[in-house]
C-alpha atoms as a PDB file:
ATOM      1  CA  MET A   1     -23.543 -36.564   7.971  1.00  0.00           C
ATOM      2  CA  ILE A   2     -26.434 -35.217   5.904  1.00  0.00           C
ATOM      3  CA  GLU A   3     -29.751 -36.625   6.566  1.00  0.00           C
ATOM      4  CA  ILE A   4     -31.990 -36.754   3.559  1.00  0.00           C
ATOM      5  CA  GLY A   5     -35.702 -37.239   3.815  1.00  0.00           C
ATOM      6  CA  VAL A   6     -38.806 -36.796   1.670  1.00  0.00           C
ATOM      7  CA  GLY A   7     -38.994 -33.059   2.671  1.00  0.00           C
ATOM      8  CA  THR A   8     -35.398 -32.397   1.857  1.00  0.00           C
ATOM      9  CA  ARG A   9     -34.997 -29.738  -0.913  1.00  0.00           C
ATOM     10  CA  THR A  10     -32.231 -29.600  -3.379  1.00  0.00           C
ATOM     11  CA  ALA A  11     -29.704 -27.070  -4.775  1.00  0.00           C
ATOM     12  CA  TRP A  12     -27.636 -27.725  -7.846  1.00  0.00           C
ATOM     13  CA  LEU A  13     -24.447 -26.946  -9.649  1.00  0.00           C
ATOM     14  CA  LEU A  14     -24.693 -27.125 -13.326  1.00  0.00           C
ATOM     15  CA  GLY A  15     -21.589 -27.233 -15.473  1.00  0.00           C
ATOM     16  CA  HIS A  16     -19.279 -29.242 -17.603  1.00  0.00           C
ATOM     17  CA  PRO A  17     -17.004 -30.432 -16.215  1.00  0.00           C
ATOM     18  CA  VAL A  18     -17.767 -30.265 -12.404  1.00  0.00           C
ATOM     19  CA  GLY A  19     -15.788 -33.168 -10.947  1.00  0.00           C
ATOM     20  CA  HIS A  20     -13.244 -30.612  -9.618  1.00  0.00           C
ATOM     21  CA  SER A  21     -15.643 -28.587  -7.771  1.00  0.00           C
ATOM     22  CA  VAL A  22     -15.593 -28.077  -4.044  1.00  0.00           C
ATOM     23  CA  SER A  23     -18.951 -26.211  -4.091  1.00  0.00           C
ATOM     24  CA  PRO A  24     -21.007 -29.259  -2.661  1.00  0.00           C
ATOM     25  CA  ALA A  25     -18.687 -29.552   0.449  1.00  0.00           C
ATOM     26  CA  MET A  26     -18.872 -25.818   0.965  1.00  0.00           C
ATOM     27  CA  HIS A  27     -22.655 -25.430   0.508  1.00  0.00           C
ATOM     28  CA  ASN A  28     -23.595 -28.500   2.420  1.00  0.00           C
ATOM     29  CA  ALA A  29     -21.434 -27.380   5.411  1.00  0.00           C
ATOM     30  CA  ALA A  30     -23.258 -24.019   5.338  1.00  0.00           C
ATOM     31  CA  TYR A  31     -26.656 -25.694   5.152  1.00  0.00           C
ATOM     32  CA  GLN A  32     -26.012 -27.951   8.188  1.00  0.00           C
ATOM     33  CA  ALA A  33     -24.772 -25.037  10.171  1.00  0.00           C
ATOM     34  CA  MET A  34     -27.889 -22.964   9.256  1.00  0.00           C
ATOM     35  CA  GLY A  35     -30.170 -25.850  10.229  1.00  0.00           C
ATOM     36  CA  LEU A  36     -31.625 -25.998   6.669  1.00  0.00           C
ATOM     37  CA  ASP A  37     -33.055 -29.275   5.369  1.00  0.00           C
ATOM     38  CA  LEU A  38     -31.342 -28.743   2.065  1.00  0.00           C
ATOM     39  CA  VAL A  39     -28.759 -30.704  -0.032  1.00  0.00           C
ATOM     40  CA  TYR A  40     -26.495 -29.388  -2.695  1.00  0.00           C
ATOM     41  CA  LEU A  41     -25.609 -31.647  -5.679  1.00  0.00           C
ATOM     42  CA  ALA A  42     -23.380 -31.235  -8.587  1.00  0.00           C
ATOM     43  CA  ALA A  43     -24.562 -32.290 -12.184  1.00  0.00           C
ATOM     44  CA  ASP A  44     -22.266 -32.593 -15.069  1.00  0.00           C
ATOM     45  CA  VAL A  45     -24.367 -31.130 -17.926  1.00  0.00           C
ATOM     46  CA  GLU A  46     -22.998 -31.071 -21.420  1.00  0.00           C
ATOM     47  CA  PRO A  47     -23.952 -28.086 -23.599  1.00  0.00           C
ATOM     48  CA  ASP A  48     -26.522 -29.820 -25.618  1.00  0.00           C
ATOM     49  CA  GLY A  49     -28.229 -31.029 -22.361  1.00  0.00           C
ATOM     50  CA  LEU A  50     -28.605 -27.623 -20.637  1.00  0.00           C
ATOM     51  CA  LYS A  51     -32.024 -26.869 -21.957  1.00  0.00           C
ATOM     52  CA  THR A  52     -33.272 -30.354 -20.734  1.00  0.00           C
ATOM     53  CA  ALA A  53     -31.594 -29.774 -17.280  1.00  0.00           C
ATOM     54  CA  ILE A  54     -33.387 -26.372 -16.746  1.00  0.00           C
ATOM     55  CA  ALA A  55     -36.566 -27.914 -17.751  1.00  0.00           C
ATOM     56  CA  GLY A  56     -36.063 -30.769 -15.331  1.00  0.00           C
ATOM     57  CA  LEU A  57     -35.394 -28.173 -12.445  1.00  0.00           C
ATOM     58  CA  ARG A  58     -38.777 -26.401 -13.276  1.00  0.00           C
ATOM     59  CA  ARG A  59     -40.591 -29.769 -12.923  1.00  0.00           C
ATOM     60  CA  LEU A  60     -38.698 -31.088  -9.926  1.00  0.00           C
ATOM     61  CA  GLY A  61     -38.860 -28.034  -7.789  1.00  0.00           C
ATOM     62  CA  PHE A  62     -35.562 -26.807  -6.284  1.00  0.00           C
ATOM     63  CA  ALA A  63     -34.223 -24.338  -3.857  1.00  0.00           C
ATOM     64  CA  GLY A  64     -31.553 -22.817  -6.045  1.00  0.00           C
ATOM     65  CA  ALA A  65     -28.976 -23.529  -8.685  1.00  0.00           C
ATOM     66  CA  ASN A  66     -25.509 -22.253  -9.485  1.00  0.00           C
ATOM     67  CA  VAL A  67     -24.314 -22.243 -13.200  1.00  0.00           C
ATOM     68  CA  THR A  68     -20.758 -22.493 -14.096  1.00  0.00           C
ATOM     69  CA  ILE A  69     -18.556 -22.985 -17.319  1.00  0.00           C
ATOM     70  CA  PRO A  70     -19.652 -23.182 -20.036  1.00  0.00           C
ATOM     71  CA  HIS A  71     -23.403 -22.377 -19.447  1.00  0.00           C
ATOM     72  CA  LYS A  72     -23.451 -18.987 -17.928  1.00  0.00           C
ATOM     73  CA  GLU A  73     -24.452 -17.095 -21.036  1.00  0.00           C
ATOM     74  CA  LYS A  74     -26.733 -19.700 -22.434  1.00  0.00           C
ATOM     75  CA  VAL A  75     -28.728 -20.155 -19.340  1.00  0.00           C
ATOM     76  CA  ALA A  76     -29.662 -16.373 -19.449  1.00  0.00           C
ATOM     77  CA  ALA A  77     -31.956 -17.232 -22.319  1.00  0.00           C
ATOM     78  CA  LEU A  78     -33.566 -20.092 -20.388  1.00  0.00           C
ATOM     79  CA  VAL A  79     -34.879 -18.150 -17.376  1.00  0.00           C
ATOM     80  CA  ASP A  80     -37.908 -16.012 -17.142  1.00  0.00           C
ATOM     81  CA  GLU A  81     -36.470 -12.926 -15.619  1.00  0.00           C
ATOM     82  CA  LEU A  82     -32.852 -11.491 -15.276  1.00  0.00           C
ATOM     83  CA  ARG A  83     -32.172  -9.341 -12.107  1.00  0.00           C
ATOM     84  CA  GLY A  84     -29.143  -7.469 -10.915  1.00  0.00           C
ATOM     85  CA  PRO A  85     -25.931  -7.464 -13.056  1.00  0.00           C
ATOM     86  CA  ALA A  86     -27.314 -10.274 -15.130  1.00  0.00           C
ATOM     87  CA  ARG A  87     -29.782  -7.856 -16.844  1.00  0.00           C
ATOM     88  CA  LEU A  88     -26.939  -5.950 -18.407  1.00  0.00           C
ATOM     89  CA  LEU A  89     -24.435  -8.718 -18.639  1.00  0.00           C
ATOM     90  CA  GLY A  90     -26.530 -11.397 -20.243  1.00  0.00           C
ATOM     91  CA  ALA A  91     -24.608 -14.014 -18.039  1.00  0.00           C
ATOM     92  CA  VAL A  92     -26.129 -15.945 -15.179  1.00  0.00           C
ATOM     93  CA  ASN A  93     -24.473 -17.887 -12.353  1.00  0.00           C
ATOM     94  CA  THR A  94     -27.401 -18.131  -9.901  1.00  0.00           C
ATOM     95  CA  VAL A  95     -30.926 -19.332 -10.484  1.00  0.00           C
ATOM     96  CA  TRP A  96     -33.943 -19.782  -8.248  1.00  0.00           C
ATOM     97  CA  ALA A  97     -37.783 -20.005  -8.580  1.00  0.00           C
ATOM     98  CA  GLU A  98     -40.407 -17.640  -7.569  1.00  0.00           C
ATOM     99  CA  GLY A  99     -43.669 -19.598  -8.216  1.00  0.00           C
ATOM    100  CA  ALA A 100     -43.490 -20.944 -11.799  1.00  0.00           C
ATOM    101  CA  ARG A 101     -40.867 -18.348 -12.815  1.00  0.00           C
ATOM    102  CA  LEU A 102     -37.201 -18.870 -12.922  1.00  0.00           C
ATOM    103  CA  ILE A 103     -35.011 -15.951 -11.808  1.00  0.00           C
ATOM    104  CA  GLY A 104     -31.524 -15.381 -13.109  1.00  0.00           C
ATOM    105  CA  TYR A 105     -28.832 -13.389 -11.210  1.00  0.00           C
ATOM    106  CA  ASN A 106     -25.095 -12.934 -11.434  1.00  0.00           C
ATOM    107  CA  THR A 107     -23.122 -12.900  -8.181  1.00  0.00           C
ATOM    108  CA  ASP A 108     -19.697 -13.170  -9.708  1.00  0.00           C
ATOM    109  CA  ALA A 109     -18.985  -9.548  -9.875  1.00  0.00           C
ATOM    110  CA  GLU A 110     -20.025  -8.900  -6.195  1.00  0.00           C
ATOM    111  CA  GLY A 111     -18.010 -11.897  -5.172  1.00  0.00           C
ATOM    112  CA  TRP A 112     -14.866 -10.816  -6.909  1.00  0.00           C
ATOM    113  CA  LEU A 113     -15.033  -7.269  -5.584  1.00  0.00           C
ATOM    114  CA  ALA A 114     -15.620  -8.575  -1.986  1.00  0.00           C
ATOM    115  CA  ALA A 115     -12.625 -10.910  -2.379  1.00  0.00           C
ATOM    116  CA  TRP A 116     -10.442  -8.086  -3.741  1.00  0.00           C
ATOM    117  CA  ASP A 117     -11.279  -5.833  -0.835  1.00  0.00           C
ATOM    118  CA  GLU A 118     -10.510  -8.690   1.726  1.00  0.00           C
ATOM    119  CA  HIS A 119      -7.357 -10.204   0.132  1.00  0.00           C
ATOM    120  CA  VAL A 120      -5.705  -7.257  -1.916  1.00  0.00           C
ATOM    121  CA  GLY A 121      -7.200  -4.079  -0.342  1.00  0.00           C
ATOM    122  CA  LEU A 122      -5.777  -1.679  -2.872  1.00  0.00           C
ATOM    123  CA  PRO A 123      -7.711   0.847  -4.732  1.00  0.00           C
ATOM    124  CA  LEU A 124      -8.719  -0.267  -8.263  1.00  0.00           C
ATOM    125  CA  GLY A 125      -9.697   3.034  -9.745  1.00  0.00           C
ATOM    126  CA  ASN A 126      -7.470   4.406 -12.603  1.00  0.00           C
ATOM    127  CA  ARG A 127      -5.585   1.336 -13.048  1.00  0.00           C
ATOM    128  CA  LYS A 128      -5.316  -0.554 -16.313  1.00  0.00           C
ATOM    129  CA  ALA A 129      -6.978  -3.931 -16.412  1.00  0.00           C
ATOM    130  CA  ILE A 130      -6.107  -6.919 -18.619  1.00  0.00           C
ATOM    131  CA  VAL A 131      -8.669  -9.512 -18.767  1.00  0.00           C
ATOM    132  CA  LEU A 132      -7.869 -12.843 -20.148  1.00  0.00           C
ATOM    133  CA  GLY A 133     -10.816 -14.737 -21.689  1.00  0.00           C
ATOM    134  CA  ALA A 134     -14.133 -13.479 -23.038  1.00  0.00           C
ATOM    135  CA  GLY A 135     -16.628 -15.867 -21.619  1.00  0.00           C
ATOM    136  CA  GLY A 136     -19.412 -15.564 -19.009  1.00  0.00           C
ATOM    137  CA  ALA A 137     -16.815 -14.980 -16.129  1.00  0.00           C
ATOM    138  CA  ALA A 138     -15.260 -12.153 -18.147  1.00  0.00           C
ATOM    139  CA  ARG A 139     -18.656 -10.411 -18.460  1.00  0.00           C
ATOM    140  CA  GLY A 140     -18.933 -10.318 -14.653  1.00  0.00           C
ATOM    141  CA  LEU A 141     -15.363  -8.983 -14.167  1.00  0.00           C
ATOM    142  CA  LEU A 142     -16.118  -6.048 -16.725  1.00  0.00           C
ATOM    143  CA  TRP A 143     -19.073  -5.145 -14.621  1.00  0.00           C
ATOM    144  CA  ALA A 144     -17.009  -5.288 -11.384  1.00  0.00           C
ATOM    145  CA  LEU A 145     -14.177  -3.174 -12.865  1.00  0.00           C
ATOM    146  CA  SER A 146     -16.578  -0.574 -14.075  1.00  0.00           C
ATOM    147  CA  ARG A 147     -18.089  -0.185 -10.615  1.00  0.00           C
ATOM    148  CA  ARG A 148     -14.714   0.688  -9.329  1.00  0.00           C
ATOM    149  CA  ASP A 149     -13.860   3.381 -11.937  1.00  0.00           C
ATOM    150  CA  VAL A 150     -11.490   1.203 -14.057  1.00  0.00           C
ATOM    151  CA  ARG A 151     -11.871   2.504 -17.549  1.00  0.00           C
ATOM    152  CA  ASP A 152      -8.776   1.211 -19.480  1.00  0.00           C
ATOM    153  CA  VAL A 153      -9.538  -2.363 -20.171  1.00  0.00           C
ATOM    154  CA  LEU A 154      -7.987  -4.806 -22.567  1.00  0.00           C
ATOM    155  CA  VAL A 155      -9.730  -8.186 -23.095  1.00  0.00           C
ATOM    156  CA  MET A 156      -7.357 -10.795 -24.555  1.00  0.00           C
ATOM    157  CA  ASN A 157      -8.836 -13.962 -25.799  1.00  0.00           C
ATOM    158  CA  ARG A 158      -7.642 -16.826 -28.208  1.00  0.00           C
ATOM    159  CA  SER A 159     -10.600 -16.033 -30.404  1.00  0.00           C
ATOM    160  CA  HIS A 160     -10.214 -12.375 -31.306  1.00  0.00           C
ATOM    161  CA  PRO A 161     -13.634 -12.022 -32.864  1.00  0.00           C
ATOM    162  CA  ARG A 162     -15.278 -13.214 -29.589  1.00  0.00           C
ATOM    163  CA  ALA A 163     -13.229 -10.588 -27.635  1.00  0.00           C
ATOM    164  CA  CYS A 164     -14.385  -7.863 -30.061  1.00  0.00           C
ATOM    165  CA  GLU A 165     -17.957  -8.884 -29.738  1.00  0.00           C
ATOM    166  CA  LEU A 166     -17.683  -8.696 -25.906  1.00  0.00           C
ATOM    167  CA  ILE A 167     -16.267  -5.168 -25.831  1.00  0.00           C
ATOM    168  CA  ASP A 168     -18.434  -3.874 -28.615  1.00  0.00           C
ATOM    169  CA  GLU A 169     -21.455  -5.069 -26.591  1.00  0.00           C
ATOM    170  CA  LEU A 170     -20.517  -4.205 -23.011  1.00  0.00           C
ATOM    171  CA  GLY A 171     -17.950  -1.463 -23.383  1.00  0.00           C
ATOM    172  CA  PRO A 172     -20.393   1.374 -24.123  1.00  0.00           C
ATOM    173  CA  LEU A 173     -22.873   0.143 -21.585  1.00  0.00           C
ATOM    174  CA  LEU A 174     -20.284   0.005 -18.753  1.00  0.00           C
ATOM    175  CA  GLY A 175     -18.434   3.292 -19.765  1.00  0.00           C
ATOM    176  CA  LEU A 176     -15.249   1.380 -20.424  1.00  0.00           C
ATOM    177  CA  GLU A 177     -12.525   2.318 -22.841  1.00  0.00           C
ATOM    178  CA  ALA A 178     -12.086  -1.162 -23.897  1.00  0.00           C
ATOM    179  CA  ARG A 179      -9.808  -2.863 -26.540  1.00  0.00           C
ATOM    180  CA  ALA A 180      -9.573  -6.435 -27.800  1.00  0.00           C
ATOM    181  CA  ALA A 181      -6.444  -8.484 -28.555  1.00  0.00           C
ATOM    182  CA  VAL A 182      -5.370 -11.928 -29.295  1.00  0.00           C
ATOM    183  CA  LEU A 183      -4.036 -13.809 -26.308  1.00  0.00           C
ATOM    184  CA  ASP A 184      -0.365 -13.813 -27.115  1.00  0.00           C
ATOM    185  CA  ASN A 185       2.677 -13.808 -24.903  1.00  0.00           C
ATOM    186  CA  ASP A 186       4.560 -11.075 -26.650  1.00  0.00           C
ATOM    187  CA  LEU A 187       1.580  -8.825 -26.901  1.00  0.00           C
ATOM    188  CA  PHE A 188       0.761  -9.431 -23.336  1.00  0.00           C
ATOM    189  CA  ALA A 189       4.176  -8.419 -22.218  1.00  0.00           C
ATOM    190  CA  ASN A 190       4.046  -5.192 -24.236  1.00  0.00           C
ATOM    191  CA  GLU A 191       0.655  -4.267 -22.698  1.00  0.00           C
ATOM    192  CA  LEU A 192       1.716  -4.551 -19.157  1.00  0.00           C
ATOM    193  CA  ARG A 193       2.050  -1.276 -17.253  1.00  0.00           C
ATOM    194  CA  PRO A 194       2.903  -0.149 -13.779  1.00  0.00           C
ATOM    195  CA  GLY A 195      -0.075  -0.733 -11.436  1.00  0.00           C
ATOM    196  CA  CYS A 196      -1.789  -2.985 -14.095  1.00  0.00           C
ATOM    197  CA  VAL A 197      -4.205  -5.623 -12.711  1.00  0.00           C
ATOM    198  CA  VAL A 198      -4.340  -8.836 -14.753  1.00  0.00           C
ATOM    199  CA  ILE A 199      -7.217 -11.228 -14.295  1.00  0.00           C
ATOM    200  CA  ASN A 200      -7.354 -14.825 -15.675  1.00  0.00           C
ATOM    201  CA  THR A 201     -11.047 -15.710 -16.254  1.00  0.00           C
ATOM    202  CA  THR A 202     -10.257 -18.807 -18.422  1.00  0.00           C
ATOM    203  CA  PRO A 203     -10.170 -22.356 -17.161  1.00  0.00           C
ATOM    204  CA  LEU A 204      -6.468 -22.809 -18.243  1.00  0.00           C
ATOM    205  CA  GLY A 205      -4.650 -24.186 -15.238  1.00  0.00           C
ATOM    206  CA  MET A 206      -7.607 -25.604 -13.437  1.00  0.00           C
ATOM    207  CA  ALA A 207      -7.392 -29.223 -12.269  1.00  0.00           C
ATOM    208  CA  PRO A 208      -6.859 -31.825 -13.625  1.00  0.00           C
ATOM    209  CA  HIS A 209      -4.336 -29.732 -15.716  1.00  0.00           C
ATOM    210  CA  PRO A 210      -2.699 -27.492 -13.217  1.00  0.00           C
ATOM    211  CA  GLU A 211       0.445 -27.253 -15.382  1.00  0.00           C
ATOM    212  CA  ARG A 212      -1.280 -25.012 -17.845  1.00  0.00           C
ATOM    213  CA  SER A 213      -1.474 -21.179 -17.941  1.00  0.00           C
ATOM    214  CA  PRO A 214      -3.400 -18.793 -20.269  1.00  0.00           C
ATOM    215  CA  VAL A 215      -0.194 -16.851 -20.794  1.00  0.00           C
ATOM    216  CA  GLU A 216       3.483 -16.702 -19.850  1.00  0.00           C
ATOM    217  CA  TRP A 217       4.815 -13.742 -17.860  1.00  0.00           C
ATOM    218  CA  PRO A 218       7.804 -11.686 -18.925  1.00  0.00           C
ATOM    219  CA  ARG A 219      11.020 -12.155 -16.874  1.00  0.00           C
ATOM    220  CA  VAL A 220      10.655  -8.531 -15.537  1.00  0.00           C
ATOM    221  CA  LEU A 221       7.303  -7.143 -14.295  1.00  0.00           C
ATOM    222  CA  PRO A 222       6.496  -3.430 -14.040  1.00  0.00           C
ATOM    223  CA  ASP A 223       6.085  -2.017 -10.532  1.00  0.00           C
ATOM    224  CA  GLY A 224       2.684  -2.490  -8.835  1.00  0.00           C
ATOM    225  CA  VAL A 225       1.243  -5.238 -11.036  1.00  0.00           C
ATOM    226  CA  VAL A 226      -1.466  -7.364  -9.350  1.00  0.00           C
ATOM    227  CA  ALA A 227      -2.320 -10.763 -10.743  1.00  0.00           C
ATOM    228  CA  CYS A 228      -5.608 -12.488 -10.039  1.00  0.00           C
ATOM    229  CA  ASP A 229      -6.981 -15.772 -11.200  1.00  0.00           C
ATOM    230  CA  LEU A 230     -10.617 -17.035 -10.847  1.00  0.00           C
ATOM    231  CA  ILE A 231      -9.190 -20.606 -10.655  1.00  0.00           C
ATOM    232  CA  TYR A 232      -9.435 -22.072  -7.012  1.00  0.00           C
ATOM    233  CA  ASN A 233      -8.391 -25.700  -7.731  1.00  0.00           C
ATOM    234  CA  PRO A 234      -5.502 -25.629  -7.403  1.00  0.00           C
ATOM    235  CA  VAL A 235      -5.534 -22.995  -4.762  1.00  0.00           C
ATOM    236  CA  SER A 236      -2.233 -21.560  -6.203  1.00  0.00           C
ATOM    237  CA  PRO A 237      -2.598 -21.737  -9.913  1.00  0.00           C
ATOM    238  CA  ARG A 238       0.453 -21.732 -12.044  1.00  0.00           C
ATOM    239  CA  PHE A 239      -0.586 -18.377 -13.620  1.00  0.00           C
ATOM    240  CA  LEU A 240       0.078 -16.737 -10.200  1.00  0.00           C
ATOM    241  CA  ALA A 241       3.530 -18.373  -9.678  1.00  0.00           C
ATOM    242  CA  SER A 242       5.679 -15.873 -11.503  1.00  0.00           C
ATOM    243  CA  PRO A 243       4.035 -12.720  -9.961  1.00  0.00           C
ATOM    244  CA  ARG A 244       4.277 -14.181  -6.487  1.00  0.00           C
ATOM    245  CA  ARG A 245       8.042 -14.900  -7.090  1.00  0.00           C
ATOM    246  CA  HIS A 246       8.372 -11.128  -7.980  1.00  0.00           C
ATOM    247  CA  GLY A 247       6.633 -10.117  -4.805  1.00  0.00           C
ATOM    248  CA  ALA A 248       3.586  -8.848  -6.585  1.00  0.00           C
ATOM    249  CA  PRO A 249       0.152  -9.070  -4.820  1.00  0.00           C
ATOM    250  CA  VAL A 250      -1.726 -12.088  -6.020  1.00  0.00           C
ATOM    251  CA  MET A 251      -5.296 -13.475  -5.543  1.00  0.00           C
ATOM    252  CA  GLY A 252      -6.653 -16.823  -6.410  1.00  0.00           C
ATOM    253  CA  GLY A 253     -10.140 -17.812  -6.943  1.00  0.00           C
ATOM    254  CA  LEU A 254     -11.222 -19.221  -3.546  1.00  0.00           C
ATOM    255  CA  GLY A 255     -12.154 -15.901  -1.918  1.00  0.00           C
ATOM    256  CA  MET A 256     -14.535 -15.139  -4.982  1.00  0.00           C
ATOM    257  CA  LEU A 257     -15.894 -18.659  -4.820  1.00  0.00           C
ATOM    258  CA  VAL A 258     -16.758 -18.090  -1.190  1.00  0.00           C
ATOM    259  CA  TYR A 259     -18.248 -14.736  -1.505  1.00  0.00           C
ATOM    260  CA  GLN A 260     -20.373 -15.448  -4.710  1.00  0.00           C
ATOM    261  CA  ALA A 261     -21.732 -18.736  -3.089  1.00  0.00           C
ATOM    262  CA  ALA A 262     -22.657 -16.885   0.042  1.00  0.00           C
ATOM    263  CA  ARG A 263     -24.449 -14.197  -1.921  1.00  0.00           C
ATOM    264  CA  ALA A 264     -26.257 -17.042  -3.758  1.00  0.00           C
ATOM    265  CA  ILE A 265     -27.443 -18.619  -0.521  1.00  0.00           C
ATOM    266  CA  GLU A 266     -28.656 -15.388   0.776  1.00  0.00           C
ATOM    267  CA  LEU A 267     -30.743 -14.943  -2.459  1.00  0.00           C
ATOM    268  CA  TRP A 268     -32.260 -18.364  -2.038  1.00  0.00           C
ATOM    269  CA  THR A 269     -32.871 -18.386   1.687  1.00  0.00           C
ATOM    270  CA  GLY A 270     -32.884 -14.759   2.887  1.00  0.00           C
ATOM    271  CA  ARG A 271     -30.164 -15.549   5.356  1.00  0.00           C
ATOM    272  CA  LYS A 272     -26.481 -14.897   5.594  1.00  0.00           C
ATOM    273  CA  PRO A 273     -24.467 -18.050   5.626  1.00  0.00           C
ATOM    274  CA  PRO A 274     -21.150 -18.586   7.666  1.00  0.00           C
ATOM    275  CA  ARG A 275     -18.427 -17.540   5.198  1.00  0.00           C
ATOM    276  CA  GLY A 276     -15.598 -18.698   7.428  1.00  0.00           C
ATOM    277  CA  LEU A 277     -17.084 -22.201   7.677  1.00  0.00           C
ATOM    278  CA  MET A 278     -17.583 -22.262   4.004  1.00  0.00           C
ATOM    279  CA  ARG A 279     -13.996 -21.463   3.249  1.00  0.00           C
ATOM    280  CA  SER A 280     -12.865 -24.001   5.653  1.00  0.00           C
ATOM    281  CA  ALA A 281     -14.919 -26.575   4.104  1.00  0.00           C
ATOM    282  CA  ALA A 282     -13.739 -25.836   0.614  1.00  0.00           C
ATOM    283  CA  LEU A 283     -10.038 -25.968   1.735  1.00  0.00           C
ATOM    284  CA  LYS A 284     -10.685 -29.385   3.549  1.00  0.00           C
ATOM    285  CA  SER A 285     -12.293 -30.751   0.500  1.00  0.00           C
ATOM    286  CA  LEU A 286      -9.321 -29.771  -1.686  1.00  0.00           C
ATOM    287  CA  ARG A 287      -6.780 -31.142   0.821  1.00  0.00           C
ATOM    288  CA  ASN A 288      -8.749 -34.483   1.009  1.00  0.00           C
ATOM    289  CA  ARG A 289      -8.974 -34.699  -2.751  1.00  0.00           C
ATOM    290  CA  TYR A 290      -5.125 -34.295  -3.361  1.00  0.00           C
ATOM    291  CA  ARG A 291      -3.659 -35.994  -0.301  1.00  0.00           C
ATOM    292  CA  PRO A 292      -0.872 -38.239  -1.326  1.00  0.00           C
END
């Protein structure tokens, strides 16, 4: 059990919604194992309350904060300095204070690449990538893909103008041969190629609506397709069901969640947290939440 006293510092998750998140269980397990007098709390912050929430953190004093859907891009304008991938991406998922200054960083890309190396372990270079969604998470994925020599990228989004804005902004900066398209089942099927990696960065399929999927897969998949979903709740999103039945490599979002969180803790504390324990705590939280 976590003991909270007057000297206990706080770390936060800011998003909307956040009721599905297992981050508090994962972070607090790590803090206890590390002997830190620190507690991690989730705050459901609606879009029009984000500026107030960040101002509150400034006044309250905090150890660090994670930022999730739908705030990753907006918070970039509310911090004092962007570092690492966030400088290029304009999307932030990790915040901490240095004196009176708030620092924004993006650990999503590093987390996804580390998860890919552990759970898929295949070369990424020279593959075609289809990224579903054009929000803050998609920005991190474009950075990650560019670092592994992926150049042929298609961003598919329900709002075609938003996808166009994303590739127009980041494509030249990252050296990507990027295109934009409307998220459509038939177009998606026509764009699949052998060896293609498909990454869902949208929240479609996340609890409490696990029956949803951003797109429907065709009946026959090209050889070598790899399917990834950033969703971790449920652990096996519906989007991955068809590729799994076809025997294709698949990767859910839990590995990325653990790695990006571990990197955030390292930035806040200067210490490496126990990733295995963090993963176990996240899985336990998910099992307890959905126990019949």
